[in-house]
Amino acid sequence: MIRMLIAAIAALSLAPAALADERAYATPELAAGVEEGGTLVTADILGMVCDFCAVAMTRTFGRRAEVSAVHIDLDDKTLQLVVREGHELTDATITDLVRRSGYQLTGEIRRGDAA
């Protein structure tokens, strides 16, 4: 009985870390890209309101050799992508691609783990 209680407490103490990982990476593809050494990039986008918007942005960034994964969150109006290890995708390039897609950034481009 005591062993079961200790095991349950140990499992609960690990749960917040697991939940944090799930929040940080919206898709398994983003998580895999980061695990392979890629850099998570997050940007807030103005004007994305529909599935067509998400598909267009996903295609725009997904075609890039530097990008291993793309996720658009229409509720949060965010673009998340993973830049492959050893590759670079500058803020200027990201800004230009967003602009050419008909949207604009509403803040700074963030690199690293997302919360």
PDB file of N, CA and C in Angstrom:
ATOM      1  N   MET A   1       0.815  -1.191   0.000  1.00  0.00           N
ATOM      2  CA  MET A   1       0.000   0.000   0.000  1.00  0.00           C
ATOM      3  C   MET A   1       0.865   1.264   0.000  1.00  0.00           C
ATOM      4  N   ILE A   2       1.889   1.268   0.830  1.00  0.00           N
ATOM      5  CA  ILE A   2       2.777   2.426   0.895  1.00  0.00           C
ATOM      6  C   ILE A   2       3.519   2.590  -0.424  1.00  0.00           C
ATOM      7  N   ARG A   3       3.946   1.497  -1.025  1.00  0.00           N
ATOM      8  CA  ARG A   3       4.645   1.570  -2.317  1.00  0.00           C
ATOM      9  C   ARG A   3       3.737   2.167  -3.392  1.00  0.00           C
ATOM     10  N   MET A   4       2.468   1.786  -3.379  1.00  0.00           N
ATOM     11  CA  MET A   4       1.526   2.335  -4.358  1.00  0.00           C
ATOM     12  C   MET A   4       1.345   3.833  -4.150  1.00  0.00           C
ATOM     13  N   LEU A   5       1.292   4.263  -2.903  1.00  0.00           N
ATOM     14  CA  LEU A   5       1.144   5.674  -2.598  1.00  0.00           C
ATOM     15  C   LEU A   5       2.373   6.454  -3.047  1.00  0.00           C
ATOM     16  N   ILE A   6       3.546   5.921  -2.794  1.00  0.00           N
ATOM     17  CA  ILE A   6       4.790   6.572  -3.216  1.00  0.00           C
ATOM     18  C   ILE A   6       4.840   6.669  -4.736  1.00  0.00           C
ATOM     19  N   ALA A   7       4.457   5.600  -5.427  1.00  0.00           N
ATOM     20  CA  ALA A   7       4.448   5.607  -6.891  1.00  0.00           C
ATOM     21  C   ALA A   7       3.468   6.650  -7.431  1.00  0.00           C
ATOM     22  N   ALA A   8       2.310   6.766  -6.794  1.00  0.00           N
ATOM     23  CA  ALA A   8       1.311   7.745  -7.232  1.00  0.00           C
ATOM     24  C   ALA A   8       1.814   9.164  -7.030  1.00  0.00           C
ATOM     25  N   ILE A   9       2.459   9.423  -5.907  1.00  0.00           N
ATOM     26  CA  ILE A   9       3.013  10.755  -5.642  1.00  0.00           C
ATOM     27  C   ILE A   9       4.111  11.073  -6.640  1.00  0.00           C
ATOM     28  N   ALA A  10       4.960  10.111  -6.925  1.00  0.00           N
ATOM     29  CA  ALA A  10       6.032  10.318  -7.901  1.00  0.00           C
ATOM     30  C   ALA A  10       5.456  10.624  -9.279  1.00  0.00           C
ATOM     31  N   ALA A  11       4.425   9.915  -9.674  1.00  0.00           N
ATOM     32  CA  ALA A  11       3.802  10.152 -10.979  1.00  0.00           C
ATOM     33  C   ALA A  11       3.191  11.547 -11.052  1.00  0.00           C
ATOM     34  N   LEU A  12       2.559  11.982  -9.976  1.00  0.00           N
ATOM     35  CA  LEU A  12       1.974  13.318  -9.953  1.00  0.00           C
ATOM     36  C   LEU A  12       3.033  14.400 -10.017  1.00  0.00           C
ATOM     37  N   SER A  13       4.176  14.168  -9.411  1.00  0.00           N
ATOM     38  CA  SER A  13       5.229  15.179  -9.432  1.00  0.00           C
ATOM     39  C   SER A  13       5.824  15.327 -10.821  1.00  0.00           C
ATOM     40  N   LEU A  14       5.726  14.298 -11.652  1.00  0.00           N
ATOM     41  CA  LEU A  14       6.230  14.376 -13.017  1.00  0.00           C
ATOM     42  C   LEU A  14       5.200  14.963 -13.973  1.00  0.00           C
ATOM     43  N   ALA A  15       3.943  14.957 -13.618  1.00  0.00           N
ATOM     44  CA  ALA A  15       2.877  15.410 -14.506  1.00  0.00           C
ATOM     45  C   ALA A  15       3.034  16.860 -14.967  1.00  0.00           C
ATOM     46  N   PRO A  16       3.376  17.830 -14.100  1.00  0.00           N
ATOM     47  CA  PRO A  16       3.505  19.204 -14.586  1.00  0.00           C
ATOM     48  C   PRO A  16       4.547  19.347 -15.686  1.00  0.00           C
ATOM     49  N   ALA A  17       5.654  18.630 -15.603  1.00  0.00           N
ATOM     50  CA  ALA A  17       6.672  18.708 -16.648  1.00  0.00           C
ATOM     51  C   ALA A  17       6.127  18.170 -17.961  1.00  0.00           C
ATOM     52  N   ALA A  18       5.397  17.084 -17.908  1.00  0.00           N
ATOM     53  CA  ALA A  18       4.822  16.516 -19.127  1.00  0.00           C
ATOM     54  C   ALA A  18       3.795  17.468 -19.725  1.00  0.00           C
ATOM     55  N   LEU A  19       2.970  18.080 -18.888  1.00  0.00           N
ATOM     56  CA  LEU A  19       1.985  19.026 -19.390  1.00  0.00           C
ATOM     57  C   LEU A  19       2.651  20.247 -19.996  1.00  0.00           C
ATOM     58  N   ALA A  20       3.745  20.708 -19.411  1.00  0.00           N
ATOM     59  CA  ALA A  20       4.467  21.851 -19.957  1.00  0.00           C
ATOM     60  C   ALA A  20       4.993  21.534 -21.345  1.00  0.00           C
ATOM     61  N   ASP A  21       5.509  20.311 -21.545  1.00  0.00           N
ATOM     62  CA  ASP A  21       5.999  19.925 -22.860  1.00  0.00           C
ATOM     63  C   ASP A  21       4.871  19.932 -23.881  1.00  0.00           C
ATOM     64  N   GLU A  22       3.689  19.443 -23.502  1.00  0.00           N
ATOM     65  CA  GLU A  22       2.560  19.422 -24.421  1.00  0.00           C
ATOM     66  C   GLU A  22       2.132  20.834 -24.801  1.00  0.00           C
ATOM     67  N   ARG A  23       2.179  21.768 -23.875  1.00  0.00           N
ATOM     68  CA  ARG A  23       1.801  23.145 -24.176  1.00  0.00           C
ATOM     69  C   ARG A  23       2.826  23.819 -25.063  1.00  0.00           C
ATOM     70  N   ALA A  24       4.095  23.489 -24.893  1.00  0.00           N
ATOM     71  CA  ALA A  24       5.150  24.156 -25.632  1.00  0.00           C
ATOM     72  C   ALA A  24       5.105  23.802 -27.112  1.00  0.00           C
ATOM     73  N   TYR A  25       4.729  22.584 -27.437  1.00  0.00           N
ATOM     74  CA  TYR A  25       4.741  22.134 -28.822  1.00  0.00           C
ATOM     75  C   TYR A  25       3.333  21.735 -29.225  1.00  0.00           C
ATOM     76  N   ALA A  26       2.750  22.510 -30.098  1.00  0.00           N
ATOM     77  CA  ALA A  26       1.360  22.300 -30.489  1.00  0.00           C
ATOM     78  C   ALA A  26       1.146  21.026 -31.289  1.00  0.00           C
ATOM     79  N   THR A  27       2.191  20.532 -31.942  1.00  0.00           N
ATOM     80  CA  THR A  27       2.059  19.313 -32.745  1.00  0.00           C
ATOM     81  C   THR A  27       3.252  18.400 -32.504  1.00  0.00           C
ATOM     82  N   PRO A  28       3.094  17.122 -32.762  1.00  0.00           N
ATOM     83  CA  PRO A  28       4.234  16.201 -32.654  1.00  0.00           C
ATOM     84  C   PRO A  28       5.356  16.568 -33.623  1.00  0.00           C
ATOM     85  N   GLU A  29       5.005  17.146 -34.774  1.00  0.00           N
ATOM     86  CA  GLU A  29       6.024  17.543 -35.753  1.00  0.00           C
ATOM     87  C   GLU A  29       6.913  18.658 -35.206  1.00  0.00           C
ATOM     88  N   LEU A  30       6.318  19.619 -34.508  1.00  0.00           N
ATOM     89  CA  LEU A  30       7.119  20.674 -33.884  1.00  0.00           C
ATOM     90  C   LEU A  30       8.037  20.082 -32.826  1.00  0.00           C
ATOM     91  N   ALA A  31       7.491  19.210 -31.988  1.00  0.00           N
ATOM     92  CA  ALA A  31       8.292  18.577 -30.937  1.00  0.00           C
ATOM     93  C   ALA A  31       9.444  17.789 -31.540  1.00  0.00           C
ATOM     94  N   ALA A  32       9.169  17.024 -32.594  1.00  0.00           N
ATOM     95  CA  ALA A  32      10.221  16.220 -33.231  1.00  0.00           C
ATOM     96  C   ALA A  32      11.296  17.112 -33.836  1.00  0.00           C
ATOM     97  N   GLY A  33      10.891  18.210 -34.457  1.00  0.00           N
ATOM     98  CA  GLY A  33      11.862  19.126 -35.048  1.00  0.00           C
ATOM     99  C   GLY A  33      12.798  19.715 -34.015  1.00  0.00           C
ATOM    100  N   VAL A  34      12.256  20.076 -32.854  1.00  0.00           N
ATOM    101  CA  VAL A  34      13.084  20.626 -31.774  1.00  0.00           C
ATOM    102  C   VAL A  34      13.979  19.536 -31.194  1.00  0.00           C
ATOM    103  N   GLU A  35      13.431  18.329 -31.019  1.00  0.00           N
ATOM    104  CA  GLU A  35      14.231  17.219 -30.490  1.00  0.00           C
ATOM    105  C   GLU A  35      15.402  16.885 -31.406  1.00  0.00           C
ATOM    106  N   GLU A  36      15.246  17.139 -32.708  1.00  0.00           N
ATOM    107  CA  GLU A  36      16.319  16.887 -33.667  1.00  0.00           C
ATOM    108  C   GLU A  36      17.320  18.035 -33.728  1.00  0.00           C
ATOM    109  N   GLY A  37      17.178  19.015 -32.838  1.00  0.00           N
ATOM    110  CA  GLY A  37      18.134  20.112 -32.764  1.00  0.00           C
ATOM    111  C   GLY A  37      17.683  21.391 -33.429  1.00  0.00           C
ATOM    112  N   GLY A  38      16.460  21.417 -33.938  1.00  0.00           N
ATOM    113  CA  GLY A  38      15.948  22.617 -34.581  1.00  0.00           C
ATOM    114  C   GLY A  38      15.572  23.686 -33.569  1.00  0.00           C
ATOM    115  N   THR A  39      15.318  24.878 -34.082  1.00  0.00           N
ATOM    116  CA  THR A  39      14.948  26.017 -33.244  1.00  0.00           C
ATOM    117  C   THR A  39      13.486  26.370 -33.473  1.00  0.00           C
ATOM    118  N   LEU A  40      12.718  26.427 -32.387  1.00  0.00           N
ATOM    119  CA  LEU A  40      11.318  26.818 -32.470  1.00  0.00           C
ATOM    120  C   LEU A  40      11.231  28.328 -32.659  1.00  0.00           C
ATOM    121  N   VAL A  41      10.432  28.753 -33.634  1.00  0.00           N
ATOM    122  CA  VAL A  41      10.215  30.170 -33.909  1.00  0.00           C
ATOM    123  C   VAL A  41       8.715  30.427 -33.808  1.00  0.00           C
ATOM    124  N   THR A  42       8.350  31.477 -33.083  1.00  0.00           N
ATOM    125  CA  THR A  42       6.941  31.829 -32.898  1.00  0.00           C
ATOM    126  C   THR A  42       6.737  33.287 -33.287  1.00  0.00           C
ATOM    127  N   ALA A  43       5.661  33.552 -34.035  1.00  0.00           N
ATOM    128  CA  ALA A  43       5.341  34.920 -34.432  1.00  0.00           C
ATOM    129  C   ALA A  43       3.834  35.123 -34.360  1.00  0.00           C
ATOM    130  N   ASP A  44       3.436  36.299 -33.922  1.00  0.00           N
ATOM    131  CA  ASP A  44       2.022  36.674 -33.891  1.00  0.00           C
ATOM    132  C   ASP A  44       1.677  37.325 -35.230  1.00  0.00           C
ATOM    133  N   ILE A  45       0.571  36.875 -35.832  1.00  0.00           N
ATOM    134  CA  ILE A  45       0.212  37.312 -37.176  1.00  0.00           C
ATOM    135  C   ILE A  45      -1.150  37.998 -37.157  1.00  0.00           C
ATOM    136  N   LEU A  46      -1.245  39.141 -37.804  1.00  0.00           N
ATOM    137  CA  LEU A  46      -2.499  39.876 -37.925  1.00  0.00           C
ATOM    138  C   LEU A  46      -3.185  39.485 -39.232  1.00  0.00           C
ATOM    139  N   GLY A  47      -4.469  39.177 -39.164  1.00  0.00           N
ATOM    140  CA  GLY A  47      -5.238  38.932 -40.375  1.00  0.00           C
ATOM    141  C   GLY A  47      -5.563  37.484 -40.670  1.00  0.00           C
ATOM    142  N   MET A  48      -5.020  36.549 -39.911  1.00  0.00           N
ATOM    143  CA  MET A  48      -5.331  35.134 -40.144  1.00  0.00           C
ATOM    144  C   MET A  48      -6.645  34.806 -39.442  1.00  0.00           C
ATOM    145  N   VAL A  49      -7.664  34.451 -40.229  1.00  0.00           N
ATOM    146  CA  VAL A  49      -8.972  34.210 -39.626  1.00  0.00           C
ATOM    147  C   VAL A  49      -9.640  32.911 -40.063  1.00  0.00           C
ATOM    148  N   CYS A  50      -9.104  32.247 -41.085  1.00  0.00           N
ATOM    149  CA  CYS A  50      -9.809  31.070 -41.601  1.00  0.00           C
ATOM    150  C   CYS A  50      -8.830  29.943 -41.931  1.00  0.00           C
ATOM    151  N   ASP A  51      -9.387  28.785 -42.218  1.00  0.00           N
ATOM    152  CA  ASP A  51      -8.557  27.634 -42.571  1.00  0.00           C
ATOM    153  C   ASP A  51      -7.737  27.899 -43.827  1.00  0.00           C
ATOM    154  N   PHE A  52      -8.302  28.639 -44.781  1.00  0.00           N
ATOM    155  CA  PHE A  52      -7.556  28.970 -45.991  1.00  0.00           C
ATOM    156  C   PHE A  52      -6.301  29.762 -45.638  1.00  0.00           C
ATOM    157  N   CYS A  53      -6.427  30.687 -44.683  1.00  0.00           N
ATOM    158  CA  CYS A  53      -5.266  31.462 -44.229  1.00  0.00           C
ATOM    159  C   CYS A  53      -4.187  30.526 -43.691  1.00  0.00           C
ATOM    160  N   ALA A  54      -4.610  29.586 -42.874  1.00  0.00           N
ATOM    161  CA  ALA A  54      -3.666  28.650 -42.263  1.00  0.00           C
ATOM    162  C   ALA A  54      -2.990  27.782 -43.317  1.00  0.00           C
ATOM    163  N   VAL A  55      -3.752  27.303 -44.286  1.00  0.00           N
ATOM    164  CA  VAL A  55      -3.178  26.469 -45.348  1.00  0.00           C
ATOM    165  C   VAL A  55      -2.167  27.264 -46.164  1.00  0.00           C
ATOM    166  N   ALA A  56      -2.507  28.497 -46.509  1.00  0.00           N
ATOM    167  CA  ALA A  56      -1.599  29.330 -47.297  1.00  0.00           C
ATOM    168  C   ALA A  56      -0.284  29.576 -46.562  1.00  0.00           C
ATOM    169  N   MET A  57      -0.360  29.925 -45.286  1.00  0.00           N
ATOM    170  CA  MET A  57       0.864  30.178 -44.512  1.00  0.00           C
ATOM    171  C   MET A  57       1.662  28.897 -44.324  1.00  0.00           C
ATOM    172  N   THR A  58       0.976  27.796 -44.088  1.00  0.00           N
ATOM    173  CA  THR A  58       1.666  26.515 -43.914  1.00  0.00           C
ATOM    174  C   THR A  58       2.423  26.154 -45.180  1.00  0.00           C
ATOM    175  N   ARG A  59       1.814  26.336 -46.329  1.00  0.00           N
ATOM    176  CA  ARG A  59       2.496  26.049 -47.600  1.00  0.00           C
ATOM    177  C   ARG A  59       3.678  26.979 -47.822  1.00  0.00           C
ATOM    178  N   THR A  60       3.480  28.258 -47.554  1.00  0.00           N
ATOM    179  CA  THR A  60       4.555  29.233 -47.758  1.00  0.00           C
ATOM    180  C   THR A  60       5.805  28.852 -46.976  1.00  0.00           C
ATOM    181  N   PHE A  61       5.632  28.535 -45.702  1.00  0.00           N
ATOM    182  CA  PHE A  61       6.793  28.214 -44.876  1.00  0.00           C
ATOM    183  C   PHE A  61       7.217  26.760 -45.022  1.00  0.00           C
ATOM    184  N   GLY A  62       6.269  25.871 -45.261  1.00  0.00           N
ATOM    185  CA  GLY A  62       6.585  24.452 -45.387  1.00  0.00           C
ATOM    186  C   GLY A  62       7.428  24.116 -46.601  1.00  0.00           C
ATOM    187  N   ARG A  63       7.411  24.961 -47.609  1.00  0.00           N
ATOM    188  CA  ARG A  63       8.218  24.748 -48.819  1.00  0.00           C
ATOM    189  C   ARG A  63       9.685  25.101 -48.621  1.00  0.00           C
ATOM    190  N   ARG A  64       9.990  25.787 -47.558  1.00  0.00           N
ATOM    191  CA  ARG A  64      11.365  26.237 -47.311  1.00  0.00           C
ATOM    192  C   ARG A  64      12.223  25.079 -46.827  1.00  0.00           C
ATOM    193  N   ALA A  65      13.417  24.954 -47.388  1.00  0.00           N
ATOM    194  CA  ALA A  65      14.336  23.879 -46.992  1.00  0.00           C
ATOM    195  C   ALA A  65      14.767  24.023 -45.536  1.00  0.00           C
ATOM    196  N   GLU A  66      14.762  25.256 -45.022  1.00  0.00           N
ATOM    197  CA  GLU A  66      15.209  25.507 -43.651  1.00  0.00           C
ATOM    198  C   GLU A  66      14.189  25.059 -42.612  1.00  0.00           C
ATOM    199  N   VAL A  67      12.952  24.836 -43.031  1.00  0.00           N
ATOM    200  CA  VAL A  67      11.847  24.594 -42.103  1.00  0.00           C
ATOM    201  C   VAL A  67      11.479  23.114 -42.079  1.00  0.00           C
ATOM    202  N   SER A  68      11.433  22.544 -40.863  1.00  0.00           N
ATOM    203  CA  SER A  68      11.065  21.128 -40.737  1.00  0.00           C
ATOM    204  C   SER A  68       9.610  20.929 -40.326  1.00  0.00           C
ATOM    205  N   ALA A  69       8.980  21.941 -39.724  1.00  0.00           N
ATOM    206  CA  ALA A  69       7.585  21.811 -39.294  1.00  0.00           C
ATOM    207  C   ALA A  69       6.958  23.197 -39.185  1.00  0.00           C
ATOM    208  N   VAL A  70       5.654  23.254 -39.457  1.00  0.00           N
ATOM    209  CA  VAL A  70       4.904  24.512 -39.382  1.00  0.00           C
ATOM    210  C   VAL A  70       3.566  24.239 -38.703  1.00  0.00           C
ATOM    211  N   HIS A  71       3.154  25.160 -37.850  1.00  0.00           N
ATOM    212  CA  HIS A  71       1.822  25.073 -37.238  1.00  0.00           C
ATOM    213  C   HIS A  71       1.235  26.475 -37.148  1.00  0.00           C
ATOM    214  N   ILE A  72      -0.013  26.593 -37.574  1.00  0.00           N
ATOM    215  CA  ILE A  72      -0.747  27.850 -37.464  1.00  0.00           C
ATOM    216  C   ILE A  72      -1.860  27.654 -36.441  1.00  0.00           C
ATOM    217  N   ASP A  73      -1.934  28.549 -35.467  1.00  0.00           N
ATOM    218  CA  ASP A  73      -3.016  28.523 -34.487  1.00  0.00           C
ATOM    219  C   ASP A  73      -3.931  29.713 -34.773  1.00  0.00           C
ATOM    220  N   LEU A  74      -5.082  29.431 -35.363  1.00  0.00           N
ATOM    221  CA  LEU A  74      -6.007  30.505 -35.722  1.00  0.00           C
ATOM    222  C   LEU A  74      -6.615  31.187 -34.502  1.00  0.00           C
ATOM    223  N   ASP A  75      -6.802  30.453 -33.416  1.00  0.00           N
ATOM    224  CA  ASP A  75      -7.367  31.056 -32.203  1.00  0.00           C
ATOM    225  C   ASP A  75      -6.410  32.077 -31.600  1.00  0.00           C
ATOM    226  N   ASP A  76      -5.129  31.709 -31.532  1.00  0.00           N
ATOM    227  CA  ASP A  76      -4.122  32.604 -30.954  1.00  0.00           C
ATOM    228  C   ASP A  76      -3.487  33.520 -31.988  1.00  0.00           C
ATOM    229  N   LYS A  77      -3.792  33.279 -33.271  1.00  0.00           N
ATOM    230  CA  LYS A  77      -3.208  34.057 -34.377  1.00  0.00           C
ATOM    231  C   LYS A  77      -1.681  33.974 -34.358  1.00  0.00           C
ATOM    232  N   THR A  78      -1.165  32.744 -34.189  1.00  0.00           N
ATOM    233  CA  THR A  78       0.284  32.564 -34.150  1.00  0.00           C
ATOM    234  C   THR A  78       0.757  31.597 -35.227  1.00  0.00           C
ATOM    235  N   LEU A  79       1.965  31.842 -35.648  1.00  0.00           N
ATOM    236  CA  LEU A  79       2.708  30.964 -36.539  1.00  0.00           C
ATOM    237  C   LEU A  79       3.823  30.361 -35.706  1.00  0.00           C
ATOM    238  N   GLN A  80       3.932  29.043 -35.718  1.00  0.00           N
ATOM    239  CA  GLN A  80       5.069  28.376 -35.089  1.00  0.00           C
ATOM    240  C   GLN A  80       5.725  27.520 -36.149  1.00  0.00           C
ATOM    241  N   LEU A  81       7.043  27.570 -36.185  1.00  0.00           N
ATOM    242  CA  LEU A  81       7.781  26.733 -37.114  1.00  0.00           C
ATOM    243  C   LEU A  81       9.086  26.318 -36.469  1.00  0.00           C
ATOM    244  N   VAL A  82       9.697  25.286 -37.035  1.00  0.00           N
ATOM    245  CA  VAL A  82      10.993  24.831 -36.548  1.00  0.00           C
ATOM    246  C   VAL A  82      11.997  24.999 -37.677  1.00  0.00           C
ATOM    247  N   VAL A  83      13.066  25.747 -37.381  1.00  0.00           N
ATOM    248  CA  VAL A  83      14.168  25.908 -38.323  1.00  0.00           C
ATOM    249  C   VAL A  83      15.148  24.773 -38.065  1.00  0.00           C
ATOM    250  N   ARG A  84      15.477  24.049 -39.119  1.00  0.00           N
ATOM    251  CA  ARG A  84      16.361  22.888 -39.000  1.00  0.00           C
ATOM    252  C   ARG A  84      17.728  23.279 -38.436  1.00  0.00           C
ATOM    253  N   GLU A  85      18.306  22.362 -37.686  1.00  0.00           N
ATOM    254  CA  GLU A  85      19.645  22.564 -37.146  1.00  0.00           C
ATOM    255  C   GLU A  85      20.616  22.808 -38.298  1.00  0.00           C
ATOM    256  N   GLY A  86      21.473  23.806 -38.134  1.00  0.00           N
ATOM    257  CA  GLY A  86      22.462  24.131 -39.153  1.00  0.00           C
ATOM    258  C   GLY A  86      21.938  25.041 -40.253  1.00  0.00           C
ATOM    259  N   HIS A  87      20.671  25.425 -40.169  1.00  0.00           N
ATOM    260  CA  HIS A  87      20.067  26.324 -41.148  1.00  0.00           C
ATOM    261  C   HIS A  87      19.679  27.632 -40.465  1.00  0.00           C
ATOM    262  N   GLU A  88      19.421  28.640 -41.269  1.00  0.00           N
ATOM    263  CA  GLU A  88      19.022  29.935 -40.732  1.00  0.00           C
ATOM    264  C   GLU A  88      17.825  30.458 -41.513  1.00  0.00           C
ATOM    265  N   LEU A  89      16.907  31.034 -40.817  1.00  0.00           N
ATOM    266  CA  LEU A  89      15.770  31.736 -41.408  1.00  0.00           C
ATOM    267  C   LEU A  89      15.673  33.049 -40.639  1.00  0.00           C
ATOM    268  N   THR A  90      16.128  34.121 -41.275  1.00  0.00           N
ATOM    269  CA  THR A  90      16.237  35.399 -40.578  1.00  0.00           C
ATOM    270  C   THR A  90      14.867  36.008 -40.300  1.00  0.00           C
ATOM    271  N   ASP A  91      14.847  36.915 -39.341  1.00  0.00           N
ATOM    272  CA  ASP A  91      13.614  37.637 -39.030  1.00  0.00           C
ATOM    273  C   ASP A  91      13.125  38.402 -40.256  1.00  0.00           C
ATOM    274  N   ALA A  92      14.063  38.976 -41.013  1.00  0.00           N
ATOM    275  CA  ALA A  92      13.691  39.728 -42.217  1.00  0.00           C
ATOM    276  C   ALA A  92      13.019  38.821 -43.243  1.00  0.00           C
ATOM    277  N   THR A  93      13.527  37.610 -43.409  1.00  0.00           N
ATOM    278  CA  THR A  93      12.926  36.663 -44.351  1.00  0.00           C
ATOM    279  C   THR A  93      11.537  36.249 -43.881  1.00  0.00           C
ATOM    280  N   ILE A  94      11.404  35.960 -42.587  1.00  0.00           N
ATOM    281  CA  ILE A  94      10.095  35.584 -42.040  1.00  0.00           C
ATOM    282  C   ILE A  94       9.098  36.721 -42.242  1.00  0.00           C
ATOM    283  N   THR A  95       9.515  37.933 -41.926  1.00  0.00           N
ATOM    284  CA  THR A  95       8.652  39.103 -42.088  1.00  0.00           C
ATOM    285  C   THR A  95       8.223  39.265 -43.539  1.00  0.00           C
ATOM    286  N   ASP A  96       9.164  39.098 -44.467  1.00  0.00           N
ATOM    287  CA  ASP A  96       8.866  39.233 -45.890  1.00  0.00           C
ATOM    288  C   ASP A  96       7.885  38.156 -46.366  1.00  0.00           C
ATOM    289  N   LEU A  97       8.097  36.913 -45.933  1.00  0.00           N
ATOM    290  CA  LEU A  97       7.197  35.825 -46.325  1.00  0.00           C
ATOM    291  C   LEU A  97       5.783  36.048 -45.783  1.00  0.00           C
ATOM    292  N   VAL A  98       5.690  36.526 -44.555  1.00  0.00           N
ATOM    293  CA  VAL A  98       4.379  36.830 -43.966  1.00  0.00           C
ATOM    294  C   VAL A  98       3.703  37.943 -44.763  1.00  0.00           C
ATOM    295  N   ARG A  99       4.460  38.989 -45.069  1.00  0.00           N
ATOM    296  CA  ARG A  99       3.919  40.129 -45.815  1.00  0.00           C
ATOM    297  C   ARG A  99       3.460  39.708 -47.215  1.00  0.00           C
ATOM    298  N   ARG A 100       4.269  38.909 -47.894  1.00  0.00           N
ATOM    299  CA  ARG A 100       3.904  38.444 -49.240  1.00  0.00           C
ATOM    300  C   ARG A 100       2.672  37.541 -49.225  1.00  0.00           C
ATOM    301  N   SER A 101       2.425  36.919 -48.094  1.00  0.00           N
ATOM    302  CA  SER A 101       1.238  36.071 -47.954  1.00  0.00           C
ATOM    303  C   SER A 101      -0.018  36.888 -47.660  1.00  0.00           C
ATOM    304  N   GLY A 102       0.166  38.203 -47.466  1.00  0.00           N
ATOM    305  CA  GLY A 102      -0.976  39.078 -47.238  1.00  0.00           C
ATOM    306  C   GLY A 102      -1.266  39.382 -45.783  1.00  0.00           C
ATOM    307  N   TYR A 103      -0.323  39.097 -44.908  1.00  0.00           N
ATOM    308  CA  TYR A 103      -0.527  39.300 -43.475  1.00  0.00           C
ATOM    309  C   TYR A 103       0.598  40.172 -42.934  1.00  0.00           C
ATOM    310  N   GLN A 104       0.532  40.492 -41.653  1.00  0.00           N
ATOM    311  CA  GLN A 104       1.626  41.237 -41.040  1.00  0.00           C
ATOM    312  C   GLN A 104       1.859  40.745 -39.626  1.00  0.00           C
ATOM    313  N   LEU A 105       3.085  40.929 -39.173  1.00  0.00           N
ATOM    314  CA  LEU A 105       3.451  40.556 -37.807  1.00  0.00           C
ATOM    315  C   LEU A 105       2.888  41.588 -36.842  1.00  0.00           C
ATOM    316  N   THR A 106       2.518  41.130 -35.652  1.00  0.00           N
ATOM    317  CA  THR A 106       2.002  42.061 -34.643  1.00  0.00           C
ATOM    318  C   THR A 106       2.894  42.110 -33.411  1.00  0.00           C
ATOM    319  N   GLY A 107       4.122  41.729 -33.561  1.00  0.00           N
ATOM    320  CA  GLY A 107       5.057  41.740 -32.439  1.00  0.00           C
ATOM    321  C   GLY A 107       6.393  41.208 -32.900  1.00  0.00           C
ATOM    322  N   GLU A 108       7.240  40.953 -31.939  1.00  0.00           N
ATOM    323  CA  GLU A 108       8.565  40.438 -32.250  1.00  0.00           C
ATOM    324  C   GLU A 108       8.511  38.947 -32.539  1.00  0.00           C
ATOM    325  N   ILE A 109       9.444  38.504 -33.351  1.00  0.00           N
ATOM    326  CA  ILE A 109       9.598  37.080 -33.619  1.00  0.00           C
ATOM    327  C   ILE A 109      10.378  36.495 -32.451  1.00  0.00           C
ATOM    328  N   ARG A 110       9.838  35.415 -31.873  1.00  0.00           N
ATOM    329  CA  ARG A 110      10.467  34.811 -30.700  1.00  0.00           C
ATOM    330  C   ARG A 110      11.106  33.490 -31.092  1.00  0.00           C
ATOM    331  N   ARG A 111      12.287  33.249 -30.568  1.00  0.00           N
ATOM    332  CA  ARG A 111      13.004  32.005 -30.837  1.00  0.00           C
ATOM    333  C   ARG A 111      13.237  31.261 -29.540  1.00  0.00           C
ATOM    334  N   GLY A 112      13.107  29.947 -29.611  1.00  0.00           N
ATOM    335  CA  GLY A 112      13.290  29.121 -28.426  1.00  0.00           C
ATOM    336  C   GLY A 112      11.965  28.549 -27.969  1.00  0.00           C
ATOM    337  N   ASP A 113      11.977  27.919 -26.794  1.00  0.00           N
ATOM    338  CA  ASP A 113      10.778  27.254 -26.279  1.00  0.00           C
ATOM    339  C   ASP A 113       9.640  28.233 -26.098  1.00  0.00           C
ATOM    340  N   ALA A 114       8.464  27.775 -26.452  1.00  0.00           N
ATOM    341  CA  ALA A 114       7.255  28.580 -26.255  1.00  0.00           C
ATOM    342  C   ALA A 114       6.548  28.103 -25.001  1.00  0.00           C
ATOM    343  N   ALA A 115       5.920  29.026 -24.326  1.00  0.00           N
ATOM    344  CA  ALA A 115       5.174  28.657 -23.114  1.00  0.00           C
ATOM    345  C   ALA A 115       3.700  28.696 -23.383  1.00  0.00           C
TER     346      ALA A 115
END
